[in-house]
Every structure is written in C-alpha cells, then in structure tokens.
Amino acid sequence: MVNPDNYFDLYDFFVNELIGSQTLAIIVSFLLLYWFTSKFNINFQTTVLLSLVLLVGLALMFSNQLLWLLAGIIAGALFFYMISTLIRRG
C-alpha cells in the first residue's frame, strides 16, 4: 500500500518496475517458446537448448534494464534531496 507521506518508497519502485515487468516478460517468453516447440514437433534436446539460449538472452537484456532502473532511482533520490533541502531553507 502506498503511503502518501513517503514520496520516495524504494519498495514500490523495486516491486512494480523491476520484478513485475521482468517476471512477466520471462513467463510470456517461455510460454511462447514451449508453444512454438510443441507446435512444430521439435525434440526435447532442442527445446532445452532453446530455453537456455532464451534464458541467457533475457539475462543480458534485463541487466541493462536493471542499470537504467538503478540510475533512475539514484537520480530521483538526488532530485528529492535537492528539492527537500531547498524547501527547508525557505
């Protein structure tokens, strides 16, 4: 639940942005991969190989997203700190 007094809640950023989007993308991509391999009668060894390739590709893709997310959180924290110090000074 969002607390209206806490404008910079790291838990909400982490759960909503990082875990939500990455988990959904991983689940959907593996479901599509398994549907594709079953539709075209691809053997089990090839399915496992394609799953590993997909897993490595998703890990490389999401590591870049993690860096952007951390950069956004740091920039937001610095902006919040600057604005709060300006407000306190009056």
N, C-alpha and C. Protein backbone atom coordinates (compact mmCIF):
# COMPACT_ATOMS: atom_id res chain seq x y z
N MET A 1 0.83 -1.17 0.00
CA MET A 1 0.00 0.00 0.00
C MET A 1 0.88 1.24 0.00
N VAL A 2 0.50 2.22 -0.76
CA VAL A 2 1.30 3.43 -0.90
C VAL A 2 1.01 4.37 0.27
N ASN A 3 2.07 4.81 0.89
CA ASN A 3 1.95 5.77 1.98
C ASN A 3 2.04 7.18 1.39
N PRO A 4 1.02 8.03 1.57
CA PRO A 4 1.07 9.37 0.95
C PRO A 4 2.12 10.28 1.57
N ASP A 5 2.61 9.94 2.77
CA ASP A 5 3.65 10.77 3.40
C ASP A 5 5.04 10.44 2.89
N ASN A 6 5.22 9.26 2.32
CA ASN A 6 6.52 8.83 1.82
C ASN A 6 6.51 8.91 0.30
N TYR A 7 7.11 9.96 -0.24
CA TYR A 7 7.09 10.17 -1.69
C TYR A 7 8.09 9.29 -2.42
N PHE A 8 9.08 8.81 -1.72
CA PHE A 8 10.14 8.04 -2.37
C PHE A 8 10.23 6.68 -1.70
N ASP A 9 9.35 5.78 -2.08
CA ASP A 9 9.28 4.46 -1.48
C ASP A 9 10.01 3.47 -2.38
N LEU A 10 11.19 3.02 -1.93
CA LEU A 10 12.02 2.13 -2.75
C LEU A 10 11.37 0.77 -2.96
N TYR A 11 10.61 0.30 -1.99
CA TYR A 11 9.97 -1.00 -2.13
C TYR A 11 8.98 -1.00 -3.29
N ASP A 12 8.20 0.08 -3.42
CA ASP A 12 7.25 0.15 -4.54
C ASP A 12 7.97 0.21 -5.88
N PHE A 13 9.06 0.97 -5.96
CA PHE A 13 9.83 1.02 -7.20
C PHE A 13 10.35 -0.36 -7.55
N PHE A 14 10.91 -1.05 -6.56
CA PHE A 14 11.52 -2.35 -6.82
C PHE A 14 10.47 -3.37 -7.26
N VAL A 15 9.37 -3.44 -6.56
CA VAL A 15 8.35 -4.45 -6.87
C VAL A 15 7.67 -4.14 -8.20
N ASN A 16 7.24 -2.91 -8.40
CA ASN A 16 6.47 -2.57 -9.59
C ASN A 16 7.30 -2.56 -10.85
N GLU A 17 8.45 -1.95 -10.80
CA GLU A 17 9.23 -1.74 -12.02
C GLU A 17 10.12 -2.92 -12.36
N LEU A 18 10.83 -3.42 -11.40
CA LEU A 18 11.83 -4.44 -11.70
C LEU A 18 11.22 -5.84 -11.74
N ILE A 19 10.61 -6.24 -10.66
CA ILE A 19 10.12 -7.61 -10.57
C ILE A 19 8.92 -7.83 -11.48
N GLY A 20 8.00 -6.87 -11.52
CA GLY A 20 6.79 -7.05 -12.30
C GLY A 20 7.04 -7.20 -13.78
N SER A 21 7.79 -6.30 -14.36
CA SER A 21 7.99 -6.34 -15.80
C SER A 21 8.90 -7.49 -16.23
N GLN A 22 9.92 -7.77 -15.46
CA GLN A 22 10.83 -8.85 -15.84
C GLN A 22 10.20 -10.22 -15.67
N THR A 23 9.46 -10.41 -14.61
CA THR A 23 8.82 -11.71 -14.40
C THR A 23 7.78 -11.98 -15.48
N LEU A 24 7.00 -10.96 -15.82
CA LEU A 24 6.00 -11.13 -16.87
C LEU A 24 6.65 -11.43 -18.21
N ALA A 25 7.73 -10.74 -18.54
CA ALA A 25 8.41 -10.99 -19.81
C ALA A 25 9.01 -12.39 -19.85
N ILE A 26 9.56 -12.86 -18.76
CA ILE A 26 10.15 -14.20 -18.72
C ILE A 26 9.07 -15.26 -18.87
N ILE A 27 7.97 -15.12 -18.16
CA ILE A 27 6.90 -16.12 -18.23
C ILE A 27 6.30 -16.17 -19.63
N VAL A 28 6.01 -15.02 -20.20
CA VAL A 28 5.40 -14.99 -21.53
C VAL A 28 6.36 -15.54 -22.59
N SER A 29 7.64 -15.20 -22.49
CA SER A 29 8.58 -15.69 -23.50
C SER A 29 8.77 -17.20 -23.41
N PHE A 30 8.82 -17.75 -22.20
CA PHE A 30 8.95 -19.21 -22.10
C PHE A 30 7.67 -19.91 -22.55
N LEU A 31 6.51 -19.35 -22.25
CA LEU A 31 5.28 -19.95 -22.74
C LEU A 31 5.23 -19.95 -24.27
N LEU A 32 5.64 -18.85 -24.87
CA LEU A 32 5.68 -18.80 -26.33
C LEU A 32 6.70 -19.77 -26.91
N LEU A 33 7.84 -19.91 -26.25
CA LEU A 33 8.85 -20.86 -26.71
C LEU A 33 8.33 -22.29 -26.66
N TYR A 34 7.71 -22.67 -25.55
CA TYR A 34 7.20 -24.04 -25.43
C TYR A 34 6.02 -24.28 -26.37
N TRP A 35 5.22 -23.29 -26.59
CA TRP A 35 4.13 -23.44 -27.57
C TRP A 35 4.70 -23.63 -28.98
N PHE A 36 5.72 -22.83 -29.32
CA PHE A 36 6.36 -22.92 -30.63
C PHE A 36 6.99 -24.30 -30.83
N THR A 37 7.70 -24.80 -29.83
CA THR A 37 8.37 -26.09 -29.99
C THR A 37 7.37 -27.25 -30.04
N SER A 38 6.27 -27.12 -29.31
CA SER A 38 5.28 -28.20 -29.39
C SER A 38 4.48 -28.14 -30.68
N LYS A 39 4.27 -26.95 -31.21
CA LYS A 39 3.52 -26.79 -32.45
C LYS A 39 4.27 -27.39 -33.63
N PHE A 40 5.59 -27.25 -33.65
CA PHE A 40 6.39 -27.73 -34.77
C PHE A 40 7.11 -29.04 -34.46
N ASN A 41 6.71 -29.74 -33.38
CA ASN A 41 7.25 -31.05 -33.01
C ASN A 41 8.78 -31.07 -32.95
N ILE A 42 9.33 -30.12 -32.23
CA ILE A 42 10.78 -30.06 -32.03
C ILE A 42 11.14 -30.95 -30.85
N ASN A 43 12.25 -31.70 -30.96
CA ASN A 43 12.59 -32.68 -29.92
C ASN A 43 13.01 -31.99 -28.61
N PHE A 44 13.12 -32.79 -27.55
CA PHE A 44 13.35 -32.27 -26.21
C PHE A 44 14.71 -31.61 -26.06
N GLN A 45 15.76 -32.18 -26.65
CA GLN A 45 17.10 -31.60 -26.53
C GLN A 45 17.16 -30.21 -27.15
N THR A 46 16.51 -30.04 -28.28
CA THR A 46 16.49 -28.72 -28.92
C THR A 46 15.67 -27.73 -28.10
N THR A 47 14.60 -28.20 -27.48
CA THR A 47 13.79 -27.33 -26.63
C THR A 47 14.59 -26.84 -25.44
N VAL A 48 15.35 -27.74 -24.82
CA VAL A 48 16.19 -27.35 -23.69
C VAL A 48 17.27 -26.38 -24.14
N LEU A 49 17.87 -26.62 -25.29
CA LEU A 49 18.89 -25.71 -25.81
C LEU A 49 18.30 -24.33 -26.10
N LEU A 50 17.13 -24.28 -26.71
CA LEU A 50 16.48 -23.00 -26.97
C LEU A 50 16.09 -22.29 -25.67
N SER A 51 15.70 -23.06 -24.65
CA SER A 51 15.38 -22.47 -23.36
C SER A 51 16.61 -21.84 -22.71
N LEU A 52 17.74 -22.51 -22.82
CA LEU A 52 18.98 -21.94 -22.26
C LEU A 52 19.40 -20.69 -23.01
N VAL A 53 19.29 -20.72 -24.33
CA VAL A 53 19.62 -19.53 -25.13
C VAL A 53 18.69 -18.37 -24.77
N LEU A 54 17.40 -18.68 -24.62
CA LEU A 54 16.44 -17.65 -24.23
C LEU A 54 16.74 -17.10 -22.84
N LEU A 55 17.10 -17.97 -21.91
CA LEU A 55 17.41 -17.54 -20.55
C LEU A 55 18.64 -16.63 -20.52
N VAL A 56 19.67 -16.98 -21.26
CA VAL A 56 20.87 -16.13 -21.33
C VAL A 56 20.54 -14.80 -22.00
N GLY A 57 19.76 -14.83 -23.06
CA GLY A 57 19.37 -13.59 -23.74
C GLY A 57 18.56 -12.68 -22.85
N LEU A 58 17.63 -13.25 -22.10
CA LEU A 58 16.83 -12.43 -21.18
C LEU A 58 17.69 -11.87 -20.05
N ALA A 59 18.64 -12.65 -19.57
CA ALA A 59 19.53 -12.15 -18.51
C ALA A 59 20.36 -10.98 -19.01
N LEU A 60 20.85 -11.07 -20.24
CA LEU A 60 21.63 -9.96 -20.80
C LEU A 60 20.76 -8.74 -21.05
N MET A 61 19.53 -8.97 -21.50
CA MET A 61 18.64 -7.86 -21.79
C MET A 61 18.22 -7.15 -20.50
N PHE A 62 17.92 -7.91 -19.46
CA PHE A 62 17.42 -7.31 -18.23
C PHE A 62 18.52 -6.73 -17.37
N SER A 63 19.77 -7.12 -17.58
CA SER A 63 20.85 -6.50 -16.83
C SER A 63 20.98 -5.04 -17.23
N ASN A 64 20.74 -4.73 -18.51
CA ASN A 64 20.74 -3.34 -18.97
C ASN A 64 19.58 -2.58 -18.35
N GLN A 65 18.42 -3.21 -18.25
CA GLN A 65 17.26 -2.56 -17.65
C GLN A 65 17.49 -2.31 -16.16
N LEU A 66 18.19 -3.22 -15.50
CA LEU A 66 18.50 -3.04 -14.09
C LEU A 66 19.40 -1.83 -13.89
N LEU A 67 20.37 -1.64 -14.78
CA LEU A 67 21.25 -0.47 -14.66
C LEU A 67 20.47 0.83 -14.85
N TRP A 68 19.56 0.86 -15.82
CA TRP A 68 18.74 2.05 -16.02
C TRP A 68 17.82 2.30 -14.84
N LEU A 69 17.28 1.23 -14.27
CA LEU A 69 16.42 1.38 -13.10
C LEU A 69 17.19 1.95 -11.92
N LEU A 70 18.38 1.42 -11.67
CA LEU A 70 19.19 1.95 -10.57
C LEU A 70 19.61 3.39 -10.82
N ALA A 71 19.92 3.73 -12.07
CA ALA A 71 20.26 5.11 -12.39
C ALA A 71 19.07 6.03 -12.17
N GLY A 72 17.89 5.58 -12.52
CA GLY A 72 16.68 6.38 -12.29
C GLY A 72 16.38 6.57 -10.82
N ILE A 73 16.58 5.52 -10.02
CA ILE A 73 16.35 5.63 -8.58
C ILE A 73 17.35 6.59 -7.96
N ILE A 74 18.61 6.52 -8.36
CA ILE A 74 19.62 7.42 -7.82
C ILE A 74 19.34 8.86 -8.23
N ALA A 75 18.97 9.06 -9.48
CA ALA A 75 18.64 10.42 -9.94
C ALA A 75 17.41 10.95 -9.20
N GLY A 76 16.42 10.11 -8.99
CA GLY A 76 15.23 10.53 -8.24
C GLY A 76 15.55 10.86 -6.80
N ALA A 77 16.43 10.06 -6.18
CA ALA A 77 16.83 10.33 -4.80
C ALA A 77 17.58 11.66 -4.69
N LEU A 78 18.47 11.91 -5.65
CA LEU A 78 19.20 13.19 -5.62
C LEU A 78 18.26 14.36 -5.86
N PHE A 79 17.33 14.22 -6.76
CA PHE A 79 16.35 15.29 -7.02
C PHE A 79 15.49 15.53 -5.78
N PHE A 80 15.04 14.46 -5.14
CA PHE A 80 14.24 14.59 -3.92
C PHE A 80 15.04 15.29 -2.82
N TYR A 81 16.32 14.92 -2.68
CA TYR A 81 17.16 15.53 -1.66
C TYR A 81 17.36 17.03 -1.95
N MET A 82 17.61 17.39 -3.19
CA MET A 82 17.82 18.80 -3.53
C MET A 82 16.55 19.61 -3.30
N ILE A 83 15.41 19.10 -3.72
CA ILE A 83 14.16 19.83 -3.53
C ILE A 83 13.82 19.94 -2.05
N SER A 84 14.03 18.88 -1.27
CA SER A 84 13.71 18.94 0.15
C SER A 84 14.64 19.92 0.89
N THR A 85 15.92 20.00 0.49
CA THR A 85 16.78 20.98 1.13
C THR A 85 16.41 22.40 0.75
N LEU A 86 15.97 22.61 -0.50
CA LEU A 86 15.51 23.94 -0.91
C LEU A 86 14.24 24.34 -0.17
N ILE A 87 13.35 23.41 0.06
CA ILE A 87 12.11 23.72 0.79
C ILE A 87 12.41 24.01 2.25
N ARG A 88 13.34 23.27 2.84
CA ARG A 88 13.68 23.51 4.25
C ARG A 88 14.35 24.86 4.45
N ARG A 89 15.14 25.31 3.48
CA ARG A 89 15.81 26.61 3.59
C ARG A 89 14.79 27.75 3.52
N GLY A 90 13.76 27.52 2.78
CA GLY A 90 12.70 28.54 2.69
C GLY A 90 12.94 29.44 1.60
